[in-house]
Amino acid sequence: MHEINPAMQECIDNCLRCYSVCLRTAMSHCLEAGGKHTEPAHFRLMMACAEICRTSAHFMLIGTDHHKHTCRECAEICTECAADCERVGNMQECVDACRSCAESCREMAA
C-alpha cells in the first residue's frame, strides 16, 4: 500500500473541496444568477476546474506518480478559475477554494 503523507492528504482534501465548491457553485449560484456567471468561457472553466481537481485527487489516492502531472495542470487551471471567479464577482468561496487547491497542487507537482 502506498503512503499518503500529510502534505499529500492536505492536497487531496483541497482538491476534493475545490471540486465540490466549483461544481456546486456553477450548478446553483451561476445558473441562477445568469449574466456574466453563465458566459460560456467562464462556465467551461469552472467545469474544467472541478474535473481536474477530482482527477488530481483520484491520482493521488490511487498512488500513481502521474499525480505530479495532473497537479501541475490543476494548479494552473485553479489559478485561472480563481481569477475569473473574482472577475465575475460574488464568488468568494470559489475563489478561496481554487487558490488553496492551486497552492497545494503546486507543492505536489514540484
PDB file of N, CA and C in Angstrom:
ATOM      1  N   MET A   1       0.843  -1.192   0.000  1.00  0.00           N
ATOM      2  CA  MET A   1       0.000   0.000   0.000  1.00  0.00           C
ATOM      3  C   MET A   1       0.881   1.245   0.000  1.00  0.00           C
ATOM      4  N   HIS A   2       0.521   2.219  -0.821  1.00  0.00           N
ATOM      5  CA  HIS A   2       1.320   3.443  -0.892  1.00  0.00           C
ATOM      6  C   HIS A   2       1.026   4.345   0.313  1.00  0.00           C
ATOM      7  N   GLU A   3       2.013   5.110   0.641  1.00  0.00           N
ATOM      8  CA  GLU A   3       1.933   6.011   1.790  1.00  0.00           C
ATOM      9  C   GLU A   3       1.429   7.383   1.352  1.00  0.00           C
ATOM     10  N   ILE A   4       0.438   7.895   2.061  1.00  0.00           N
ATOM     11  CA  ILE A   4      -0.040   9.260   1.814  1.00  0.00           C
ATOM     12  C   ILE A   4       0.447  10.110   2.974  1.00  0.00           C
ATOM     13  N   ASN A   5       1.404  10.994   2.656  1.00  0.00           N
ATOM     14  CA  ASN A   5       1.946  11.858   3.710  1.00  0.00           C
ATOM     15  C   ASN A   5       0.974  13.007   4.000  1.00  0.00           C
ATOM     16  N   PRO A   6       1.195  13.732   5.103  1.00  0.00           N
ATOM     17  CA  PRO A   6       0.264  14.814   5.473  1.00  0.00           C
ATOM     18  C   PRO A   6       0.090  15.890   4.398  1.00  0.00           C
ATOM     19  N   ALA A   7       1.160  16.247   3.683  1.00  0.00           N
ATOM     20  CA  ALA A   7       1.055  17.267   2.633  1.00  0.00           C
ATOM     21  C   ALA A   7       0.172  16.760   1.487  1.00  0.00           C
ATOM     22  N   MET A   8       0.332  15.482   1.136  1.00  0.00           N
ATOM     23  CA  MET A   8      -0.491  14.913   0.075  1.00  0.00           C
ATOM     24  C   MET A   8      -1.945  14.819   0.523  1.00  0.00           C
ATOM     25  N   GLN A   9      -2.170  14.426   1.759  1.00  0.00           N
ATOM     26  CA  GLN A   9      -3.545  14.339   2.267  1.00  0.00           C
ATOM     27  C   GLN A   9      -4.206  15.716   2.250  1.00  0.00           C
ATOM     28  N   GLU A  10      -3.450  16.747   2.603  1.00  0.00           N
ATOM     29  CA  GLU A  10      -3.985  18.109   2.568  1.00  0.00           C
ATOM     30  C   GLU A  10      -4.332  18.503   1.131  1.00  0.00           C
ATOM     31  N   CYS A  11      -3.490  18.117   0.186  1.00  0.00           N
ATOM     32  CA  CYS A  11      -3.745  18.410  -1.220  1.00  0.00           C
ATOM     33  C   CYS A  11      -4.987  17.666  -1.707  1.00  0.00           C
ATOM     34  N   ILE A  12      -5.124  16.408  -1.339  1.00  0.00           N
ATOM     35  CA  ILE A  12      -6.315  15.631  -1.697  1.00  0.00           C
ATOM     36  C   ILE A  12      -7.567  16.329  -1.159  1.00  0.00           C
ATOM     37  N   ASP A  13      -7.507  16.732   0.104  1.00  0.00           N
ATOM     38  CA  ASP A  13      -8.646  17.407   0.734  1.00  0.00           C
ATOM     39  C   ASP A  13      -8.973  18.723   0.021  1.00  0.00           C
ATOM     40  N   ASN A  14      -7.924  19.488  -0.325  1.00  0.00           N
ATOM     41  CA  ASN A  14      -8.128  20.760  -1.033  1.00  0.00           C
ATOM     42  C   ASN A  14      -8.713  20.528  -2.417  1.00  0.00           C
ATOM     43  N   CYS A  15      -8.229  19.498  -3.110  1.00  0.00           N
ATOM     44  CA  CYS A  15      -8.757  19.173  -4.438  1.00  0.00           C
ATOM     45  C   CYS A  15     -10.228  18.780  -4.362  1.00  0.00           C
ATOM     46  N   LEU A  16     -10.565  17.926  -3.401  1.00  0.00           N
ATOM     47  CA  LEU A  16     -11.954  17.476  -3.284  1.00  0.00           C
ATOM     48  C   LEU A  16     -12.879  18.617  -2.862  1.00  0.00           C
ATOM     49  N   ARG A  17     -12.367  19.511  -2.028  1.00  0.00           N
ATOM     50  CA  ARG A  17     -13.164  20.677  -1.633  1.00  0.00           C
ATOM     51  C   ARG A  17     -13.379  21.588  -2.836  1.00  0.00           C
ATOM     52  N   CYS A  18     -12.326  21.839  -3.604  1.00  0.00           N
ATOM     53  CA  CYS A  18     -12.430  22.707  -4.773  1.00  0.00           C
ATOM     54  C   CYS A  18     -13.369  22.087  -5.813  1.00  0.00           C
ATOM     55  N   TYR A  19     -13.265  20.798  -6.026  1.00  0.00           N
ATOM     56  CA  TYR A  19     -14.169  20.081  -6.928  1.00  0.00           C
ATOM     57  C   TYR A  19     -15.617  20.325  -6.517  1.00  0.00           C
ATOM     58  N   SER A  20     -15.884  20.126  -5.238  1.00  0.00           N
ATOM     59  CA  SER A  20     -17.233  20.268  -4.714  1.00  0.00           C
ATOM     60  C   SER A  20     -17.733  21.707  -4.813  1.00  0.00           C
ATOM     61  N   VAL A  21     -16.907  22.654  -4.408  1.00  0.00           N
ATOM     62  CA  VAL A  21     -17.302  24.072  -4.427  1.00  0.00           C
ATOM     63  C   VAL A  21     -17.528  24.558  -5.854  1.00  0.00           C
ATOM     64  N   CYS A  22     -16.614  24.240  -6.771  1.00  0.00           N
ATOM     65  CA  CYS A  22     -16.767  24.694  -8.161  1.00  0.00           C
ATOM     66  C   CYS A  22     -18.016  24.107  -8.803  1.00  0.00           C
ATOM     67  N   LEU A  23     -18.226  22.824  -8.618  1.00  0.00           N
ATOM     68  CA  LEU A  23     -19.385  22.177  -9.226  1.00  0.00           C
ATOM     69  C   LEU A  23     -20.679  22.724  -8.634  1.00  0.00           C
ATOM     70  N   ARG A  24     -20.738  22.790  -7.314  1.00  0.00           N
ATOM     71  CA  ARG A  24     -21.935  23.279  -6.636  1.00  0.00           C
ATOM     72  C   ARG A  24     -22.220  24.742  -6.999  1.00  0.00           C
ATOM     73  N   THR A  25     -21.183  25.577  -7.028  1.00  0.00           N
ATOM     74  CA  THR A  25     -21.351  26.996  -7.348  1.00  0.00           C
ATOM     75  C   THR A  25     -21.826  27.177  -8.787  1.00  0.00           C
ATOM     76  N   ALA A  26     -21.228  26.433  -9.703  1.00  0.00           N
ATOM     77  CA  ALA A  26     -21.630  26.535 -11.107  1.00  0.00           C
ATOM     78  C   ALA A  26     -23.080  26.102 -11.294  1.00  0.00           C
ATOM     79  N   MET A  27     -23.445  24.994 -10.669  1.00  0.00           N
ATOM     80  CA  MET A  27     -24.766  24.423 -10.882  1.00  0.00           C
ATOM     81  C   MET A  27     -25.875  25.155 -10.141  1.00  0.00           C
ATOM     82  N   SER A  28     -25.546  25.847  -9.083  1.00  0.00           N
ATOM     83  CA  SER A  28     -26.592  26.567  -8.353  1.00  0.00           C
ATOM     84  C   SER A  28     -26.431  28.070  -8.558  1.00  0.00           C
ATOM     85  N   HIS A  29     -25.424  28.640  -7.952  1.00  0.00           N
ATOM     86  CA  HIS A  29     -25.237  30.095  -7.982  1.00  0.00           C
ATOM     87  C   HIS A  29     -25.152  30.647  -9.397  1.00  0.00           C
ATOM     88  N   CYS A  30     -24.260  30.112 -10.218  1.00  0.00           N
ATOM     89  CA  CYS A  30     -24.039  30.665 -11.561  1.00  0.00           C
ATOM     90  C   CYS A  30     -25.265  30.500 -12.454  1.00  0.00           C
ATOM     91  N   LEU A  31     -25.853  29.314 -12.469  1.00  0.00           N
ATOM     92  CA  LEU A  31     -27.025  29.095 -13.316  1.00  0.00           C
ATOM     93  C   LEU A  31     -28.193  29.975 -12.900  1.00  0.00           C
ATOM     94  N   GLU A  32     -28.337  30.195 -11.603  1.00  0.00           N
ATOM     95  CA  GLU A  32     -29.428  31.035 -11.117  1.00  0.00           C
ATOM     96  C   GLU A  32     -29.152  32.514 -11.330  1.00  0.00           C
ATOM     97  N   ALA A  33     -27.896  32.926 -11.212  1.00  0.00           N
ATOM     98  CA  ALA A  33     -27.544  34.341 -11.362  1.00  0.00           C
ATOM     99  C   ALA A  33     -27.582  34.781 -12.817  1.00  0.00           C
ATOM    100  N   GLY A  34     -27.167  33.895 -13.727  1.00  0.00           N
ATOM    101  CA  GLY A  34     -27.150  34.228 -15.150  1.00  0.00           C
ATOM    102  C   GLY A  34     -26.130  35.318 -15.464  1.00  0.00           C
ATOM    103  N   GLY A  35     -26.317  35.981 -16.595  1.00  0.00           N
ATOM    104  CA  GLY A  35     -25.412  37.057 -16.999  1.00  0.00           C
ATOM    105  C   GLY A  35     -23.973  36.588 -17.128  1.00  0.00           C
ATOM    106  N   LYS A  36     -23.057  37.353 -16.515  1.00  0.00           N
ATOM    107  CA  LYS A  36     -21.621  37.020 -16.565  1.00  0.00           C
ATOM    108  C   LYS A  36     -21.347  35.619 -16.021  1.00  0.00           C
ATOM    109  N   HIS A  37     -22.174  35.183 -15.072  1.00  0.00           N
ATOM    110  CA  HIS A  37     -21.971  33.878 -14.421  1.00  0.00           C
ATOM    111  C   HIS A  37     -22.168  32.706 -15.380  1.00  0.00           C
ATOM    112  N   THR A  38     -22.914  32.932 -16.441  1.00  0.00           N
ATOM    113  CA  THR A  38     -23.159  31.834 -17.386  1.00  0.00           C
ATOM    114  C   THR A  38     -22.521  32.083 -18.749  1.00  0.00           C
ATOM    115  N   GLU A  39     -21.568  33.018 -18.807  1.00  0.00           N
ATOM    116  CA  GLU A  39     -20.797  33.165 -20.046  1.00  0.00           C
ATOM    117  C   GLU A  39     -20.136  31.823 -20.337  1.00  0.00           C
ATOM    118  N   PRO A  40     -20.197  31.345 -21.585  1.00  0.00           N
ATOM    119  CA  PRO A  40     -19.643  30.022 -21.894  1.00  0.00           C
ATOM    120  C   PRO A  40     -18.199  29.811 -21.432  1.00  0.00           C
ATOM    121  N   ALA A  41     -17.319  30.779 -21.662  1.00  0.00           N
ATOM    122  CA  ALA A  41     -15.915  30.600 -21.270  1.00  0.00           C
ATOM    123  C   ALA A  41     -15.775  30.450 -19.748  1.00  0.00           C
ATOM    124  N   HIS A  42     -16.522  31.236 -19.000  1.00  0.00           N
ATOM    125  CA  HIS A  42     -16.475  31.165 -17.531  1.00  0.00           C
ATOM    126  C   HIS A  42     -17.023  29.825 -17.045  1.00  0.00           C
ATOM    127  N   PHE A  43     -18.164  29.438 -17.579  1.00  0.00           N
ATOM    128  CA  PHE A  43     -18.810  28.204 -17.141  1.00  0.00           C
ATOM    129  C   PHE A  43     -17.955  26.985 -17.487  1.00  0.00           C
ATOM    130  N   ARG A  44     -17.369  26.973 -18.683  1.00  0.00           N
ATOM    131  CA  ARG A  44     -16.487  25.867 -19.084  1.00  0.00           C
ATOM    132  C   ARG A  44     -15.263  25.788 -18.184  1.00  0.00           C
ATOM    133  N   LEU A  45     -14.717  26.951 -17.829  1.00  0.00           N
ATOM    134  CA  LEU A  45     -13.551  26.979 -16.943  1.00  0.00           C
ATOM    135  C   LEU A  45     -13.895  26.395 -15.579  1.00  0.00           C
ATOM    136  N   MET A  46     -15.052  26.725 -15.064  1.00  0.00           N
ATOM    137  CA  MET A  46     -15.469  26.156 -13.770  1.00  0.00           C
ATOM    138  C   MET A  46     -15.630  24.642 -13.852  1.00  0.00           C
ATOM    139  N   MET A  47     -16.186  24.160 -14.963  1.00  0.00           N
ATOM    140  CA  MET A  47     -16.346  22.710 -15.143  1.00  0.00           C
ATOM    141  C   MET A  47     -14.989  22.033 -15.292  1.00  0.00           C
ATOM    142  N   ALA A  48     -14.072  22.662 -16.041  1.00  0.00           N
ATOM    143  CA  ALA A  48     -12.722  22.114 -16.208  1.00  0.00           C
ATOM    144  C   ALA A  48     -12.001  22.089 -14.868  1.00  0.00           C
ATOM    145  N   CYS A  49     -12.181  23.130 -14.081  1.00  0.00           N
ATOM    146  CA  CYS A  49     -11.539  23.208 -12.773  1.00  0.00           C
ATOM    147  C   CYS A  49     -12.047  22.081 -11.867  1.00  0.00           C
ATOM    148  N   ALA A  50     -13.349  21.932 -11.806  1.00  0.00           N
ATOM    149  CA  ALA A  50     -13.922  20.864 -10.974  1.00  0.00           C
ATOM    150  C   ALA A  50     -13.380  19.503 -11.403  1.00  0.00           C
ATOM    151  N   GLU A  51     -13.325  19.265 -12.694  1.00  0.00           N
ATOM    152  CA  GLU A  51     -12.900  17.956 -13.192  1.00  0.00           C
ATOM    153  C   GLU A  51     -11.419  17.684 -12.950  1.00  0.00           C
ATOM    154  N   ILE A  52     -10.552  18.679 -13.156  1.00  0.00           N
ATOM    155  CA  ILE A  52      -9.117  18.445 -12.924  1.00  0.00           C
ATOM    156  C   ILE A  52      -8.844  18.274 -11.429  1.00  0.00           C
ATOM    157  N   CYS A  53      -9.611  18.944 -10.593  1.00  0.00           N
ATOM    158  CA  CYS A  53      -9.460  18.764  -9.143  1.00  0.00           C
ATOM    159  C   CYS A  53      -9.825  17.337  -8.741  1.00  0.00           C
ATOM    160  N   ARG A  54     -10.928  16.857  -9.274  1.00  0.00           N
ATOM    161  CA  ARG A  54     -11.370  15.485  -8.978  1.00  0.00           C
ATOM    162  C   ARG A  54     -10.330  14.488  -9.478  1.00  0.00           C
ATOM    163  N   THR A  55      -9.826  14.705 -10.675  1.00  0.00           N
ATOM    164  CA  THR A  55      -8.842  13.812 -11.270  1.00  0.00           C
ATOM    165  C   THR A  55      -7.535  13.821 -10.471  1.00  0.00           C
ATOM    166  N   SER A  56      -7.082  14.988 -10.067  1.00  0.00           N
ATOM    167  CA  SER A  56      -5.840  15.073  -9.291  1.00  0.00           C
ATOM    168  C   SER A  56      -5.976  14.345  -7.966  1.00  0.00           C
ATOM    169  N   ALA A  57      -7.091  14.532  -7.281  1.00  0.00           N
ATOM    170  CA  ALA A  57      -7.332  13.818  -6.026  1.00  0.00           C
ATOM    171  C   ALA A  57      -7.316  12.311  -6.274  1.00  0.00           C
ATOM    172  N   HIS A  58      -7.974  11.890  -7.332  1.00  0.00           N
ATOM    173  CA  HIS A  58      -8.046  10.471  -7.675  1.00  0.00           C
ATOM    174  C   HIS A  58      -6.648   9.896  -7.927  1.00  0.00           C
ATOM    175  N   PHE A  59      -5.818  10.623  -8.689  1.00  0.00           N
ATOM    176  CA  PHE A  59      -4.469  10.148  -8.985  1.00  0.00           C
ATOM    177  C   PHE A  59      -3.632  10.012  -7.716  1.00  0.00           C
ATOM    178  N   MET A  60      -3.783  10.943  -6.787  1.00  0.00           N
ATOM    179  CA  MET A  60      -3.038  10.836  -5.523  1.00  0.00           C
ATOM    180  C   MET A  60      -3.557   9.662  -4.699  1.00  0.00           C
ATOM    181  N   LEU A  61      -4.867   9.473  -4.686  1.00  0.00           N
ATOM    182  CA  LEU A  61      -5.455   8.381  -3.904  1.00  0.00           C
ATOM    183  C   LEU A  61      -5.062   7.004  -4.443  1.00  0.00           C
ATOM    184  N   ILE A  62      -4.942   6.863  -5.763  1.00  0.00           N
ATOM    185  CA  ILE A  62      -4.574   5.550  -6.300  1.00  0.00           C
ATOM    186  C   ILE A  62      -3.072   5.309  -6.257  1.00  0.00           C
ATOM    187  N   GLY A  63      -2.304   6.349  -5.968  1.00  0.00           N
ATOM    188  CA  GLY A  63      -0.877   6.174  -5.733  1.00  0.00           C
ATOM    189  C   GLY A  63      -0.008   6.158  -6.972  1.00  0.00           C
ATOM    190  N   THR A  64      -0.417   6.828  -8.022  1.00  0.00           N
ATOM    191  CA  THR A  64       0.424   6.896  -9.216  1.00  0.00           C
ATOM    192  C   THR A  64       1.282   8.164  -9.195  1.00  0.00           C
ATOM    193  N   ASP A  65       2.518   8.029  -9.641  1.00  0.00           N
ATOM    194  CA  ASP A  65       3.400   9.196  -9.711  1.00  0.00           C
ATOM    195  C   ASP A  65       2.924  10.203 -10.755  1.00  0.00           C
ATOM    196  N   HIS A  66       1.992   9.802 -11.595  1.00  0.00           N
ATOM    197  CA  HIS A  66       1.445  10.721 -12.593  1.00  0.00           C
ATOM    198  C   HIS A  66       0.670  11.866 -11.950  1.00  0.00           C
ATOM    199  N   HIS A  67       0.424  11.762 -10.631  1.00  0.00           N
ATOM    200  CA  HIS A  67      -0.269  12.859  -9.944  1.00  0.00           C
ATOM    201  C   HIS A  67       0.513  14.174 -10.082  1.00  0.00           C
ATOM    202  N   LYS A  68       1.830  14.078 -10.270  1.00  0.00           N
ATOM    203  CA  LYS A  68       2.621  15.306 -10.431  1.00  0.00           C
ATOM    204  C   LYS A  68       2.191  16.069 -11.676  1.00  0.00           C
ATOM    205  N   HIS A  69       1.835  15.357 -12.736  1.00  0.00           N
ATOM    206  CA  HIS A  69       1.381  15.992 -13.972  1.00  0.00           C
ATOM    207  C   HIS A  69      -0.008  16.600 -13.805  1.00  0.00           C
ATOM    208  N   THR A  70      -0.919  15.819 -13.219  1.00  0.00           N
ATOM    209  CA  THR A  70      -2.279  16.341 -13.041  1.00  0.00           C
ATOM    210  C   THR A  70      -2.277  17.500 -12.046  1.00  0.00           C
ATOM    211  N   CYS A  71      -1.445  17.415 -11.022  1.00  0.00           N
ATOM    212  CA  CYS A  71      -1.378  18.501 -10.039  1.00  0.00           C
ATOM    213  C   CYS A  71      -0.821  19.783 -10.665  1.00  0.00           C
ATOM    214  N   ARG A  72       0.145  19.644 -11.555  1.00  0.00           N
ATOM    215  CA  ARG A  72       0.693  20.828 -12.229  1.00  0.00           C
ATOM    216  C   ARG A  72      -0.407  21.517 -13.041  1.00  0.00           C
ATOM    217  N   GLU A  73      -1.148  20.741 -13.801  1.00  0.00           N
ATOM    218  CA  GLU A  73      -2.248  21.287 -14.600  1.00  0.00           C
ATOM    219  C   GLU A  73      -3.362  21.825 -13.702  1.00  0.00           C
ATOM    220  N   CYS A  74      -3.625  21.116 -12.616  1.00  0.00           N
ATOM    221  CA  CYS A  74      -4.657  21.544 -11.670  1.00  0.00           C
ATOM    222  C   CYS A  74      -4.323  22.914 -11.087  1.00  0.00           C
ATOM    223  N   ALA A  75      -3.074  23.108 -10.702  1.00  0.00           N
ATOM    224  CA  ALA A  75      -2.657  24.399 -10.143  1.00  0.00           C
ATOM    225  C   ALA A  75      -2.884  25.520 -11.150  1.00  0.00           C
ATOM    226  N   GLU A  76      -2.566  25.246 -12.412  1.00  0.00           N
ATOM    227  CA  GLU A  76      -2.732  26.249 -13.465  1.00  0.00           C
ATOM    228  C   GLU A  76      -4.209  26.588 -13.682  1.00  0.00           C
ATOM    229  N   ILE A  77      -5.040  25.567 -13.785  1.00  0.00           N
ATOM    230  CA  ILE A  77      -6.468  25.786 -14.029  1.00  0.00           C
ATOM    231  C   ILE A  77      -7.127  26.444 -12.817  1.00  0.00           C
ATOM    232  N   CYS A  78      -6.779  26.008 -11.613  1.00  0.00           N
ATOM    233  CA  CYS A  78      -7.351  26.614 -10.404  1.00  0.00           C
ATOM    234  C   CYS A  78      -6.982  28.093 -10.287  1.00  0.00           C
ATOM    235  N   THR A  79      -5.756  28.434 -10.638  1.00  0.00           N
ATOM    236  CA  THR A  79      -5.319  29.829 -10.603  1.00  0.00           C
ATOM    237  C   THR A  79      -6.148  30.656 -11.583  1.00  0.00           C
ATOM    238  N   GLU A  80      -6.345  30.119 -12.769  1.00  0.00           N
ATOM    239  CA  GLU A  80      -7.147  30.793 -13.797  1.00  0.00           C
ATOM    240  C   GLU A  80      -8.608  30.915 -13.360  1.00  0.00           C
ATOM    241  N   CYS A  81      -9.137  29.857 -12.764  1.00  0.00           N
ATOM    242  CA  CYS A  81     -10.529  29.859 -12.322  1.00  0.00           C
ATOM    243  C   CYS A  81     -10.733  30.871 -11.188  1.00  0.00           C
ATOM    244  N   ALA A  82      -9.795  30.929 -10.251  1.00  0.00           N
ATOM    245  CA  ALA A  82      -9.898  31.894  -9.141  1.00  0.00           C
ATOM    246  C   ALA A  82      -9.956  33.316  -9.687  1.00  0.00           C
ATOM    247  N   ALA A  83      -9.085  33.619 -10.634  1.00  0.00           N
ATOM    248  CA  ALA A  83      -9.046  34.966 -11.224  1.00  0.00           C
ATOM    249  C   ALA A  83     -10.350  35.274 -11.953  1.00  0.00           C
ATOM    250  N   ASP A  84     -10.887  34.294 -12.677  1.00  0.00           N
ATOM    251  CA  ASP A  84     -12.110  34.530 -13.427  1.00  0.00           C
ATOM    252  C   ASP A  84     -13.318  34.658 -12.506  1.00  0.00           C
ATOM    253  N   CYS A  85     -13.362  33.859 -11.449  1.00  0.00           N
ATOM    254  CA  CYS A  85     -14.464  33.965 -10.487  1.00  0.00           C
ATOM    255  C   CYS A  85     -14.407  35.316  -9.768  1.00  0.00           C
ATOM    256  N   GLU A  86     -13.209  35.796  -9.527  1.00  0.00           N
ATOM    257  CA  GLU A  86     -13.041  37.112  -8.921  1.00  0.00           C
ATOM    258  C   GLU A  86     -13.536  38.197  -9.891  1.00  0.00           C
ATOM    259  N   ARG A  87     -13.220  38.036 -11.173  1.00  0.00           N
ATOM    260  CA  ARG A  87     -13.664  38.984 -12.199  1.00  0.00           C
ATOM    261  C   ARG A  87     -15.185  39.035 -12.270  1.00  0.00           C
ATOM    262  N   VAL A  88     -15.818  37.876 -12.264  1.00  0.00           N
ATOM    263  CA  VAL A  88     -17.276  37.805 -12.359  1.00  0.00           C
ATOM    264  C   VAL A  88     -17.917  38.403 -11.104  1.00  0.00           C
ATOM    265  N   GLY A  89     -17.330  38.128  -9.951  1.00  0.00           N
ATOM    266  CA  GLY A  89     -17.792  38.712  -8.693  1.00  0.00           C
ATOM    267  C   GLY A  89     -18.781  37.856  -7.926  1.00  0.00           C
ATOM    268  N   ASN A  90     -18.852  38.107  -6.629  1.00  0.00           N
ATOM    269  CA  ASN A  90     -19.787  37.439  -5.727  1.00  0.00           C
ATOM    270  C   ASN A  90     -19.595  35.919  -5.707  1.00  0.00           C
ATOM    271  N   MET A  91     -18.316  35.489  -5.752  1.00  0.00           N
ATOM    272  CA  MET A  91     -17.999  34.059  -5.770  1.00  0.00           C
ATOM    273  C   MET A  91     -16.789  33.770  -4.879  1.00  0.00           C
ATOM    274  N   GLN A  92     -16.738  34.404  -3.713  1.00  0.00           N
ATOM    275  CA  GLN A  92     -15.548  34.325  -2.874  1.00  0.00           C
ATOM    276  C   GLN A  92     -15.216  32.909  -2.417  1.00  0.00           C
ATOM    277  N   GLU A  93     -16.221  32.105  -2.124  1.00  0.00           N
ATOM    278  CA  GLU A  93     -15.952  30.729  -1.681  1.00  0.00           C
ATOM    279  C   GLU A  93     -15.201  29.960  -2.762  1.00  0.00           C
ATOM    280  N   CYS A  94     -15.593  30.176  -4.006  1.00  0.00           N
ATOM    281  CA  CYS A  94     -14.941  29.509  -5.132  1.00  0.00           C
ATOM    282  C   CYS A  94     -13.507  30.039  -5.309  1.00  0.00           C
ATOM    283  N   VAL A  95     -13.336  31.341  -5.227  1.00  0.00           N
ATOM    284  CA  VAL A  95     -12.002  31.957  -5.337  1.00  0.00           C
ATOM    285  C   VAL A  95     -11.074  31.360  -4.282  1.00  0.00           C
ATOM    286  N   ASP A  96     -11.533  31.300  -3.042  1.00  0.00           N
ATOM    287  CA  ASP A  96     -10.709  30.783  -1.935  1.00  0.00           C
ATOM    288  C   ASP A  96     -10.372  29.308  -2.111  1.00  0.00           C
ATOM    289  N   ALA A  97     -11.358  28.505  -2.517  1.00  0.00           N
ATOM    290  CA  ALA A  97     -11.133  27.071  -2.720  1.00  0.00           C
ATOM    291  C   ALA A  97     -10.124  26.843  -3.845  1.00  0.00           C
ATOM    292  N   CYS A  98     -10.255  27.608  -4.918  1.00  0.00           N
ATOM    293  CA  CYS A  98      -9.339  27.476  -6.058  1.00  0.00           C
ATOM    294  C   CYS A  98      -7.918  27.867  -5.655  1.00  0.00           C
ATOM    295  N   ARG A  99      -7.774  28.938  -4.915  1.00  0.00           N
ATOM    296  CA  ARG A  99      -6.440  29.379  -4.508  1.00  0.00           C
ATOM    297  C   ARG A  99      -5.774  28.380  -3.568  1.00  0.00           C
ATOM    298  N   SER A 100      -6.508  27.836  -2.626  1.00  0.00           N
ATOM    299  CA  SER A 100      -5.953  26.823  -1.710  1.00  0.00           C
ATOM    300  C   SER A 100      -5.521  25.585  -2.472  1.00  0.00           C
ATOM    301  N   CYS A 101      -6.355  25.170  -3.408  1.00  0.00           N
ATOM    302  CA  CYS A 101      -6.045  23.988  -4.200  1.00  0.00           C
ATOM    303  C   CYS A 101      -4.815  24.234  -5.076  1.00  0.00           C
ATOM    304  N   ALA A 102      -4.767  25.394  -5.713  1.00  0.00           N
ATOM    305  CA  ALA A 102      -3.626  25.718  -6.574  1.00  0.00           C
ATOM    306  C   ALA A 102      -2.330  25.681  -5.782  1.00  0.00           C
ATOM    307  N   GLU A 103      -2.351  26.235  -4.584  1.00  0.00           N
ATOM    308  CA  GLU A 103      -1.139  26.280  -3.748  1.00  0.00           C
ATOM    309  C   GLU A 103      -0.675  24.874  -3.381  1.00  0.00           C
ATOM    310  N   SER A 104      -1.576  24.033  -2.908  1.00  0.00           N
ATOM    311  CA  SER A 104      -1.152  22.683  -2.517  1.00  0.00           C
ATOM    312  C   SER A 104      -0.789  21.822  -3.724  1.00  0.00           C
ATOM    313  N   CYS A 105      -1.445  22.031  -4.851  1.00  0.00           N
ATOM    314  CA  CYS A 105      -1.102  21.275  -6.058  1.00  0.00           C
ATOM    315  C   CYS A 105       0.269  21.673  -6.600  1.00  0.00           C
ATOM    316  N   ARG A 106       0.602  22.956  -6.486  1.00  0.00           N
ATOM    317  CA  ARG A 106       1.963  23.392  -6.913  1.00  0.00           C
ATOM    318  C   ARG A 106       3.019  22.650  -6.097  1.00  0.00           C
ATOM    319  N   GLU A 107       2.780  22.482  -4.796  1.00  0.00           N
ATOM    320  CA  GLU A 107       3.730  21.754  -3.937  1.00  0.00           C
ATOM    321  C   GLU A 107       3.822  20.279  -4.346  1.00  0.00           C
ATOM    322  N   MET A 108       2.691  19.673  -4.675  1.00  0.00           N
ATOM    323  CA  MET A 108       2.688  18.269  -5.071  1.00  0.00           C
ATOM    324  C   MET A 108       3.366  18.055  -6.422  1.00  0.00           C
ATOM    325  N   ALA A 109       3.286  19.038  -7.290  1.00  0.00           N
ATOM    326  CA  ALA A 109       3.854  18.920  -8.630  1.00  0.00           C
ATOM    327  C   ALA A 109       5.363  19.111  -8.618  1.00  0.00           C
ATOM    328  N   ALA A 110       5.881  19.742  -7.578  1.00  0.00           N
ATOM    329  CA  ALA A 110       7.334  20.055  -7.509  1.00  0.00           C
ATOM    330  C   ALA A 110       8.172  18.795  -7.395  1.00  0.00           C
TER     331      ALA A 110
END
